[in-house]
């Protein structure tokens, strides 16, 4: 369900300053909260991590959130969630231009949300990719941070 491109969307315009770590984290965590609220998801687990946007592990980086949620075995729920999100203000159906991800995709500016099946029959998965604009070195920041409580407490 990950994007087929090695990087994620860039902010439009060359003059946009790189975001701070806090801004990059908020970009995807706030999006996760919006997804949970809009789709009324019963989240079982949520995590945040930094990912590099190239093959070398050098900047730029982006934040990523992974959500697992309870779902009926009916797999059409992914499409329904994506359609619900696309109906929210500022969201558009499909991936940002130039991306061909697997899964049902929506985007808001440079943030992409992919919805698909989870690891178990009664689970769904949401992947949220922030903009590849964080220039801080997160080469050694490769652990997952549990944000389940933060995302559930929107």
N, C-alpha and C. Protein backbone atom coordinates (compact mmCIF):
# COMPACT_ATOMS: atom_id res chain seq x y z
N UNK A 1 0.81 -1.19 0.00
CA UNK A 1 0.00 0.00 0.00
C UNK A 1 0.86 1.26 0.00
N UNK A 2 2.15 1.16 -0.10
CA UNK A 2 3.00 2.34 -0.08
C UNK A 2 3.07 2.96 -1.46
N UNK A 3 3.44 4.23 -1.52
CA UNK A 3 3.52 4.89 -2.82
C UNK A 3 4.54 4.20 -3.72
N UNK A 4 4.29 4.23 -5.01
CA UNK A 4 5.21 3.60 -5.94
C UNK A 4 6.42 4.48 -6.21
N UNK A 5 6.35 5.73 -5.88
CA UNK A 5 7.47 6.65 -6.05
C UNK A 5 8.31 6.66 -4.78
N UNK A 6 9.62 6.93 -4.87
CA UNK A 6 10.47 6.94 -3.69
C UNK A 6 10.29 8.16 -2.80
N UNK A 7 9.53 9.14 -3.25
CA UNK A 7 9.32 10.32 -2.42
C UNK A 7 7.84 10.66 -2.39
N UNK A 8 7.48 11.58 -1.52
CA UNK A 8 6.09 12.00 -1.42
C UNK A 8 5.98 13.43 -1.92
N UNK A 9 4.77 13.94 -1.99
CA UNK A 9 4.54 15.26 -2.59
C UNK A 9 5.36 16.38 -1.95
N UNK A 10 5.72 17.32 -2.79
CA UNK A 10 6.45 18.51 -2.36
C UNK A 10 5.48 19.67 -2.24
N UNK A 11 5.80 20.63 -1.40
CA UNK A 11 5.00 21.85 -1.30
C UNK A 11 5.14 22.62 -2.60
N UNK A 12 4.09 23.30 -2.98
CA UNK A 12 4.19 24.08 -4.20
C UNK A 12 4.92 25.39 -3.90
N UNK A 13 5.72 25.80 -4.84
CA UNK A 13 6.44 27.05 -4.70
C UNK A 13 7.81 26.85 -4.10
N UNK A 14 8.83 27.42 -4.73
CA UNK A 14 10.20 27.23 -4.26
C UNK A 14 10.52 28.02 -2.99
N UNK A 15 9.68 28.97 -2.60
CA UNK A 15 10.03 29.84 -1.48
C UNK A 15 9.49 29.35 -0.14
N UNK A 16 8.78 28.24 -0.11
CA UNK A 16 8.24 27.75 1.15
C UNK A 16 9.39 27.27 2.04
N UNK A 17 9.51 27.84 3.25
CA UNK A 17 10.61 27.41 4.13
C UNK A 17 10.37 25.98 4.62
N UNK A 18 11.44 25.24 4.90
CA UNK A 18 11.25 23.88 5.41
C UNK A 18 10.55 23.91 6.76
N UNK A 19 9.68 22.95 7.00
CA UNK A 19 8.98 22.92 8.29
C UNK A 19 9.90 22.44 9.41
N UNK A 20 9.56 22.81 10.62
CA UNK A 20 10.27 22.30 11.79
C UNK A 20 9.83 20.85 12.02
N UNK A 21 10.53 20.17 12.92
CA UNK A 21 10.12 18.81 13.27
C UNK A 21 8.70 18.80 13.82
N UNK A 22 8.38 19.78 14.65
CA UNK A 22 7.05 19.85 15.24
C UNK A 22 5.98 20.06 14.16
N UNK A 23 6.27 20.91 13.18
CA UNK A 23 5.32 21.15 12.10
C UNK A 23 5.14 19.91 11.23
N UNK A 24 6.23 19.22 10.94
CA UNK A 24 6.15 18.00 10.13
C UNK A 24 5.35 16.92 10.85
N UNK A 25 5.58 16.79 12.15
CA UNK A 25 4.85 15.80 12.94
C UNK A 25 3.36 16.18 13.00
N UNK A 26 3.08 17.46 13.27
CA UNK A 26 1.69 17.91 13.35
C UNK A 26 0.96 17.71 12.03
N UNK A 27 1.66 17.87 10.92
CA UNK A 27 1.03 17.72 9.61
C UNK A 27 0.38 16.34 9.47
N UNK A 28 1.06 15.29 9.90
CA UNK A 28 0.51 13.95 9.74
C UNK A 28 -0.34 13.51 10.94
N UNK A 29 0.02 13.92 12.15
CA UNK A 29 -0.77 13.53 13.33
C UNK A 29 -2.12 14.24 13.31
N UNK A 30 -2.14 15.52 12.97
CA UNK A 30 -3.42 16.24 12.86
C UNK A 30 -4.28 15.64 11.75
N UNK A 31 -3.64 15.24 10.66
CA UNK A 31 -4.38 14.57 9.59
C UNK A 31 -4.97 13.26 10.09
N UNK A 32 -4.20 12.51 10.87
CA UNK A 32 -4.71 11.24 11.43
C UNK A 32 -5.94 11.49 12.28
N UNK A 33 -5.90 12.52 13.10
CA UNK A 33 -7.05 12.85 13.94
C UNK A 33 -8.26 13.20 13.07
N UNK A 34 -8.02 13.94 12.00
CA UNK A 34 -9.11 14.31 11.08
C UNK A 34 -9.70 13.08 10.41
N UNK A 35 -8.85 12.15 9.99
CA UNK A 35 -9.30 10.91 9.36
C UNK A 35 -10.15 10.10 10.33
N UNK A 36 -9.67 9.94 11.56
CA UNK A 36 -10.39 9.16 12.58
C UNK A 36 -11.76 9.77 12.84
N UNK A 37 -11.80 11.08 12.97
CA UNK A 37 -13.06 11.78 13.26
C UNK A 37 -14.02 11.69 12.07
N UNK A 38 -13.53 11.99 10.86
CA UNK A 38 -14.40 12.03 9.68
C UNK A 38 -14.97 10.65 9.34
N UNK A 39 -14.16 9.61 9.50
CA UNK A 39 -14.60 8.26 9.13
C UNK A 39 -15.10 7.47 10.33
N UNK A 40 -15.08 8.09 11.52
CA UNK A 40 -15.55 7.43 12.74
C UNK A 40 -14.86 6.08 12.95
N UNK A 41 -13.53 6.09 12.87
CA UNK A 41 -12.75 4.85 12.97
C UNK A 41 -12.56 4.43 14.42
N UNK A 42 -12.58 3.15 14.64
CA UNK A 42 -12.24 2.57 15.95
C UNK A 42 -10.79 2.12 15.87
N UNK A 43 -9.89 3.02 16.25
CA UNK A 43 -8.45 2.80 16.12
C UNK A 43 -7.97 1.78 17.14
N UNK A 44 -7.23 0.79 16.66
CA UNK A 44 -6.62 -0.19 17.56
C UNK A 44 -5.16 0.13 17.82
N UNK A 45 -4.50 0.82 16.88
CA UNK A 45 -3.09 1.19 17.05
C UNK A 45 -2.76 2.32 16.09
N UNK A 46 -1.90 3.23 16.53
CA UNK A 46 -1.41 4.30 15.67
C UNK A 46 0.05 4.56 16.01
N UNK A 47 0.86 4.81 14.99
CA UNK A 47 2.28 5.09 15.22
C UNK A 47 2.75 6.23 14.31
N UNK A 48 3.79 6.92 14.78
CA UNK A 48 4.45 7.98 14.01
C UNK A 48 5.89 7.56 13.79
N UNK A 49 6.42 7.89 12.62
CA UNK A 49 7.84 7.67 12.35
C UNK A 49 8.32 8.67 11.30
N UNK A 50 9.64 8.83 11.25
CA UNK A 50 10.27 9.63 10.21
C UNK A 50 10.68 8.71 9.07
N UNK A 51 10.52 9.17 7.83
CA UNK A 51 10.99 8.43 6.67
C UNK A 51 11.79 9.35 5.77
N UNK A 52 12.83 8.81 5.16
CA UNK A 52 13.58 9.60 4.21
C UNK A 52 12.85 9.58 2.88
N UNK A 53 13.17 10.55 2.05
CA UNK A 53 12.47 10.72 0.78
C UNK A 53 13.37 10.42 -0.41
N UNK A 54 14.47 9.72 -0.16
CA UNK A 54 15.39 9.35 -1.22
C UNK A 54 16.02 8.01 -0.87
N UNK A 55 16.85 7.50 -1.73
CA UNK A 55 17.48 6.20 -1.51
C UNK A 55 18.71 6.26 -0.61
N UNK A 56 19.22 7.44 -0.31
CA UNK A 56 20.44 7.57 0.47
C UNK A 56 20.20 7.74 1.96
N UNK A 57 18.98 8.02 2.37
CA UNK A 57 18.69 8.27 3.78
C UNK A 57 19.01 9.69 4.21
N UNK A 58 19.34 10.55 3.26
CA UNK A 58 19.66 11.95 3.55
C UNK A 58 18.38 12.79 3.50
N UNK A 59 18.43 14.02 4.07
CA UNK A 59 17.28 14.91 3.95
C UNK A 59 16.95 15.14 2.48
N UNK A 60 15.69 15.42 2.18
CA UNK A 60 14.60 15.73 3.10
C UNK A 60 13.92 14.47 3.65
N UNK A 61 13.20 14.69 4.75
CA UNK A 61 12.43 13.64 5.41
C UNK A 61 10.97 14.07 5.46
N UNK A 62 10.13 13.10 5.78
CA UNK A 62 8.72 13.42 6.01
C UNK A 62 8.22 12.57 7.17
N UNK A 63 7.15 13.06 7.79
CA UNK A 63 6.51 12.29 8.84
C UNK A 63 5.55 11.29 8.22
N UNK A 64 5.37 10.17 8.92
CA UNK A 64 4.43 9.15 8.47
C UNK A 64 3.65 8.64 9.68
N UNK A 65 2.35 8.47 9.51
CA UNK A 65 1.51 7.86 10.54
C UNK A 65 0.87 6.62 9.94
N UNK A 66 0.86 5.54 10.71
CA UNK A 66 0.16 4.32 10.35
C UNK A 66 -0.94 4.09 11.38
N UNK A 67 -2.14 3.83 10.90
CA UNK A 67 -3.29 3.54 11.77
C UNK A 67 -3.80 2.14 11.46
N UNK A 68 -4.17 1.41 12.49
CA UNK A 68 -4.93 0.16 12.33
C UNK A 68 -6.28 0.40 12.97
N UNK A 69 -7.33 -0.09 12.34
CA UNK A 69 -8.67 0.14 12.87
C UNK A 69 -9.53 -1.10 12.66
N UNK A 70 -10.55 -1.23 13.52
CA UNK A 70 -11.51 -2.33 13.40
C UNK A 70 -12.41 -2.08 12.21
N UNK A 71 -12.71 -3.16 11.48
CA UNK A 71 -13.57 -3.04 10.31
C UNK A 71 -14.30 -4.35 10.08
N UNK A 72 -15.46 -4.30 9.45
CA UNK A 72 -16.09 -5.55 9.05
C UNK A 72 -15.23 -6.22 7.97
N UNK A 73 -15.45 -7.49 7.75
CA UNK A 73 -14.66 -8.23 6.77
C UNK A 73 -14.86 -7.69 5.36
N UNK A 74 -15.94 -6.98 5.11
CA UNK A 74 -16.23 -6.38 3.81
C UNK A 74 -15.13 -5.39 3.43
N UNK A 75 -14.40 -5.67 2.38
CA UNK A 75 -13.26 -4.84 1.98
C UNK A 75 -13.65 -3.53 1.30
N UNK A 76 -14.92 -3.33 1.00
CA UNK A 76 -15.31 -2.07 0.37
C UNK A 76 -15.22 -0.90 1.34
N UNK A 77 -14.94 -1.18 2.61
CA UNK A 77 -14.85 -0.12 3.61
C UNK A 77 -13.71 0.86 3.27
N UNK A 78 -12.64 0.38 2.66
CA UNK A 78 -11.53 1.26 2.28
C UNK A 78 -12.00 2.34 1.31
N UNK A 79 -12.74 1.93 0.32
CA UNK A 79 -13.27 2.88 -0.67
C UNK A 79 -14.23 3.86 0.00
N UNK A 80 -15.08 3.35 0.90
CA UNK A 80 -16.03 4.21 1.59
C UNK A 80 -15.31 5.27 2.43
N UNK A 81 -14.25 4.87 3.12
CA UNK A 81 -13.48 5.82 3.94
C UNK A 81 -12.85 6.88 3.04
N UNK A 82 -12.23 6.46 1.93
CA UNK A 82 -11.61 7.41 1.01
C UNK A 82 -12.65 8.38 0.45
N UNK A 83 -13.83 7.88 0.11
CA UNK A 83 -14.89 8.75 -0.40
C UNK A 83 -15.36 9.74 0.66
N UNK A 84 -15.46 9.28 1.91
CA UNK A 84 -15.85 10.17 3.01
C UNK A 84 -14.83 11.29 3.18
N UNK A 85 -13.54 10.92 3.16
CA UNK A 85 -12.49 11.93 3.30
C UNK A 85 -12.49 12.91 2.13
N UNK A 86 -12.68 12.39 0.92
CA UNK A 86 -12.68 13.26 -0.26
C UNK A 86 -13.81 14.28 -0.20
N UNK A 87 -14.85 13.99 0.57
CA UNK A 87 -15.96 14.92 0.73
C UNK A 87 -15.74 15.97 1.80
N UNK A 88 -14.64 15.88 2.53
CA UNK A 88 -14.32 16.85 3.57
C UNK A 88 -13.68 18.09 2.94
N UNK A 89 -13.85 19.27 3.54
CA UNK A 89 -13.26 20.49 2.99
C UNK A 89 -11.74 20.37 2.81
N UNK A 90 -11.28 20.73 1.63
CA UNK A 90 -9.85 20.74 1.34
C UNK A 90 -9.29 19.43 0.80
N UNK A 91 -10.05 18.35 0.88
CA UNK A 91 -9.58 17.04 0.43
C UNK A 91 -9.99 16.79 -1.01
N UNK A 92 -9.18 16.02 -1.73
CA UNK A 92 -9.48 15.65 -3.11
C UNK A 92 -9.30 14.15 -3.28
N UNK A 93 -10.10 13.52 -4.14
CA UNK A 93 -9.93 12.09 -4.36
C UNK A 93 -8.64 11.80 -5.12
N UNK A 94 -8.11 10.61 -4.90
CA UNK A 94 -6.91 10.18 -5.61
C UNK A 94 -5.64 10.74 -4.99
N UNK A 95 -4.51 10.28 -5.51
CA UNK A 95 -3.23 10.77 -5.00
C UNK A 95 -2.89 12.13 -5.59
N UNK A 96 -1.90 12.81 -5.03
CA UNK A 96 -1.42 14.04 -5.66
C UNK A 96 -0.88 13.72 -7.06
N UNK A 97 -0.82 14.71 -7.94
CA UNK A 97 -0.30 14.47 -9.28
C UNK A 97 1.09 13.84 -9.25
N UNK A 98 1.29 12.86 -10.12
CA UNK A 98 2.59 12.22 -10.25
C UNK A 98 2.78 10.99 -9.38
N UNK A 99 1.79 10.57 -8.63
CA UNK A 99 1.92 9.41 -7.76
C UNK A 99 0.93 8.33 -8.17
N UNK A 100 1.36 7.08 -8.04
CA UNK A 100 0.55 5.93 -8.42
C UNK A 100 0.56 4.91 -7.28
N UNK A 101 0.01 5.24 -6.12
CA UNK A 101 0.05 4.31 -4.99
C UNK A 101 -0.97 3.18 -5.14
N UNK A 102 -0.73 2.12 -4.40
CA UNK A 102 -1.71 1.05 -4.28
C UNK A 102 -2.65 1.41 -3.14
N UNK A 103 -3.89 1.04 -3.24
CA UNK A 103 -4.86 1.37 -2.20
C UNK A 103 -5.71 2.55 -2.61
N UNK A 104 -6.72 2.82 -1.83
CA UNK A 104 -7.60 3.96 -2.09
C UNK A 104 -6.94 5.21 -1.52
N UNK A 105 -6.73 6.22 -2.37
CA UNK A 105 -5.97 7.40 -1.97
C UNK A 105 -6.82 8.66 -2.02
N UNK A 106 -6.49 9.58 -1.11
CA UNK A 106 -7.00 10.95 -1.12
C UNK A 106 -5.83 11.84 -0.73
N UNK A 107 -5.97 13.11 -1.03
CA UNK A 107 -4.89 14.03 -0.65
C UNK A 107 -5.45 15.40 -0.31
N UNK A 108 -4.65 16.11 0.47
CA UNK A 108 -4.96 17.48 0.87
C UNK A 108 -3.64 18.23 0.77
N UNK A 109 -3.51 19.05 -0.26
CA UNK A 109 -2.22 19.69 -0.50
C UNK A 109 -1.19 18.60 -0.77
N UNK A 110 -0.09 18.64 -0.03
CA UNK A 110 0.97 17.66 -0.21
C UNK A 110 0.89 16.47 0.72
N UNK A 111 -0.21 16.31 1.45
CA UNK A 111 -0.37 15.17 2.36
C UNK A 111 -1.24 14.12 1.68
N UNK A 112 -0.74 12.88 1.66
CA UNK A 112 -1.46 11.80 1.01
C UNK A 112 -1.90 10.77 2.05
N UNK A 113 -3.14 10.30 1.92
CA UNK A 113 -3.70 9.27 2.79
C UNK A 113 -4.06 8.07 1.93
N UNK A 114 -3.55 6.89 2.32
CA UNK A 114 -3.88 5.64 1.65
C UNK A 114 -4.68 4.77 2.61
N UNK A 115 -5.76 4.18 2.11
CA UNK A 115 -6.61 3.32 2.93
C UNK A 115 -6.67 1.95 2.26
N UNK A 116 -6.48 0.90 3.06
CA UNK A 116 -6.52 -0.44 2.51
C UNK A 116 -6.72 -1.48 3.60
N UNK A 117 -6.58 -2.74 3.24
CA UNK A 117 -6.76 -3.80 4.23
C UNK A 117 -5.62 -3.81 5.24
N UNK A 118 -5.93 -4.29 6.44
CA UNK A 118 -4.92 -4.42 7.48
C UNK A 118 -4.28 -5.80 7.45
N UNK A 119 -3.56 -6.11 8.51
CA UNK A 119 -2.86 -7.39 8.61
C UNK A 119 -3.76 -8.55 9.03
N UNK A 120 -4.96 -8.25 9.48
CA UNK A 120 -5.89 -9.27 9.94
C UNK A 120 -7.23 -9.06 9.24
N UNK A 121 -8.05 -10.12 9.12
CA UNK A 121 -9.31 -9.98 8.39
C UNK A 121 -10.25 -8.90 8.94
N UNK A 122 -10.19 -8.63 10.23
CA UNK A 122 -11.11 -7.63 10.81
C UNK A 122 -10.42 -6.30 11.08
N UNK A 123 -9.36 -6.02 10.34
CA UNK A 123 -8.62 -4.76 10.52
C UNK A 123 -8.44 -4.06 9.17
N UNK A 124 -8.45 -2.75 9.24
CA UNK A 124 -8.13 -1.93 8.10
C UNK A 124 -6.87 -1.14 8.42
N UNK A 125 -6.27 -0.54 7.41
CA UNK A 125 -5.04 0.22 7.60
C UNK A 125 -5.13 1.56 6.88
N UNK A 126 -4.56 2.57 7.52
CA UNK A 126 -4.44 3.90 6.93
C UNK A 126 -2.98 4.30 7.03
N UNK A 127 -2.41 4.75 5.93
CA UNK A 127 -1.05 5.29 5.90
C UNK A 127 -1.15 6.76 5.53
N UNK A 128 -0.47 7.60 6.29
CA UNK A 128 -0.49 9.04 6.04
C UNK A 128 0.94 9.51 5.81
N UNK A 129 1.18 10.11 4.67
CA UNK A 129 2.51 10.59 4.29
C UNK A 129 2.50 12.11 4.22
N UNK A 130 3.39 12.75 4.97
CA UNK A 130 3.53 14.19 4.93
C UNK A 130 4.40 14.63 3.76
N UNK A 131 4.55 15.92 3.65
CA UNK A 131 5.38 16.49 2.59
C UNK A 131 6.86 16.21 2.85
N UNK A 132 7.59 15.95 1.80
CA UNK A 132 9.04 15.71 1.89
C UNK A 132 9.77 17.05 1.89
N UNK A 133 9.73 17.71 3.05
CA UNK A 133 10.34 19.04 3.12
C UNK A 133 11.15 19.25 4.39
N UNK A 134 11.15 18.30 5.30
CA UNK A 134 11.87 18.47 6.56
C UNK A 134 13.36 18.21 6.31
N UNK A 135 14.18 19.23 6.54
CA UNK A 135 15.60 19.15 6.22
C UNK A 135 16.47 18.75 7.41
N UNK A 136 15.87 18.48 8.56
CA UNK A 136 16.65 18.02 9.71
C UNK A 136 17.08 16.57 9.48
N UNK A 137 18.19 16.19 10.07
CA UNK A 137 18.74 14.85 9.86
C UNK A 137 18.07 13.86 10.80
N UNK A 138 17.21 13.02 10.25
CA UNK A 138 16.51 12.00 11.03
C UNK A 138 17.03 10.60 10.69
N UNK A 139 18.24 10.55 10.20
CA UNK A 139 18.86 9.29 9.80
C UNK A 139 18.80 8.23 10.90
N UNK A 140 18.97 8.64 12.15
CA UNK A 140 18.97 7.69 13.27
C UNK A 140 17.66 7.67 14.04
N UNK A 141 16.66 8.38 13.54
CA UNK A 141 15.34 8.43 14.21
C UNK A 141 14.40 7.43 13.54
N UNK A 142 14.72 6.15 13.66
CA UNK A 142 13.96 5.15 12.91
C UNK A 142 13.01 4.31 13.76
N UNK A 143 12.77 4.72 15.00
CA UNK A 143 11.84 3.94 15.80
C UNK A 143 10.41 4.47 15.66
N UNK A 144 9.46 3.57 15.86
CA UNK A 144 8.05 3.94 15.83
C UNK A 144 7.67 4.53 17.18
N UNK A 145 6.88 5.58 17.16
CA UNK A 145 6.36 6.19 18.38
C UNK A 145 4.87 5.89 18.44
N UNK A 146 4.43 5.26 19.52
CA UNK A 146 3.02 4.93 19.69
C UNK A 146 2.24 6.22 19.97
N UNK A 147 1.29 6.53 19.10
CA UNK A 147 0.46 7.74 19.26
C UNK A 147 -1.03 7.37 19.34
N UNK A 148 -1.31 6.13 19.70
CA UNK A 148 -2.69 5.64 19.72
C UNK A 148 -3.59 6.53 20.57
N UNK A 149 -3.17 6.81 21.80
CA UNK A 149 -3.99 7.62 22.70
C UNK A 149 -4.18 9.03 22.15
N UNK A 150 -3.14 9.60 21.59
CA UNK A 150 -3.22 10.95 21.02
C UNK A 150 -4.22 11.01 19.87
N UNK A 151 -4.21 10.01 19.02
CA UNK A 151 -5.10 10.00 17.86
C UNK A 151 -6.54 9.70 18.27
N UNK A 152 -6.73 8.83 19.23
CA UNK A 152 -8.08 8.51 19.70
C UNK A 152 -8.72 9.68 20.43
N UNK A 153 -7.91 10.52 21.07
CA UNK A 153 -8.43 11.60 21.91
C UNK A 153 -8.70 12.88 21.18
N UNK A 154 -8.99 12.82 19.90
CA UNK A 154 -9.22 14.03 19.11
C UNK A 154 -10.28 14.87 19.74
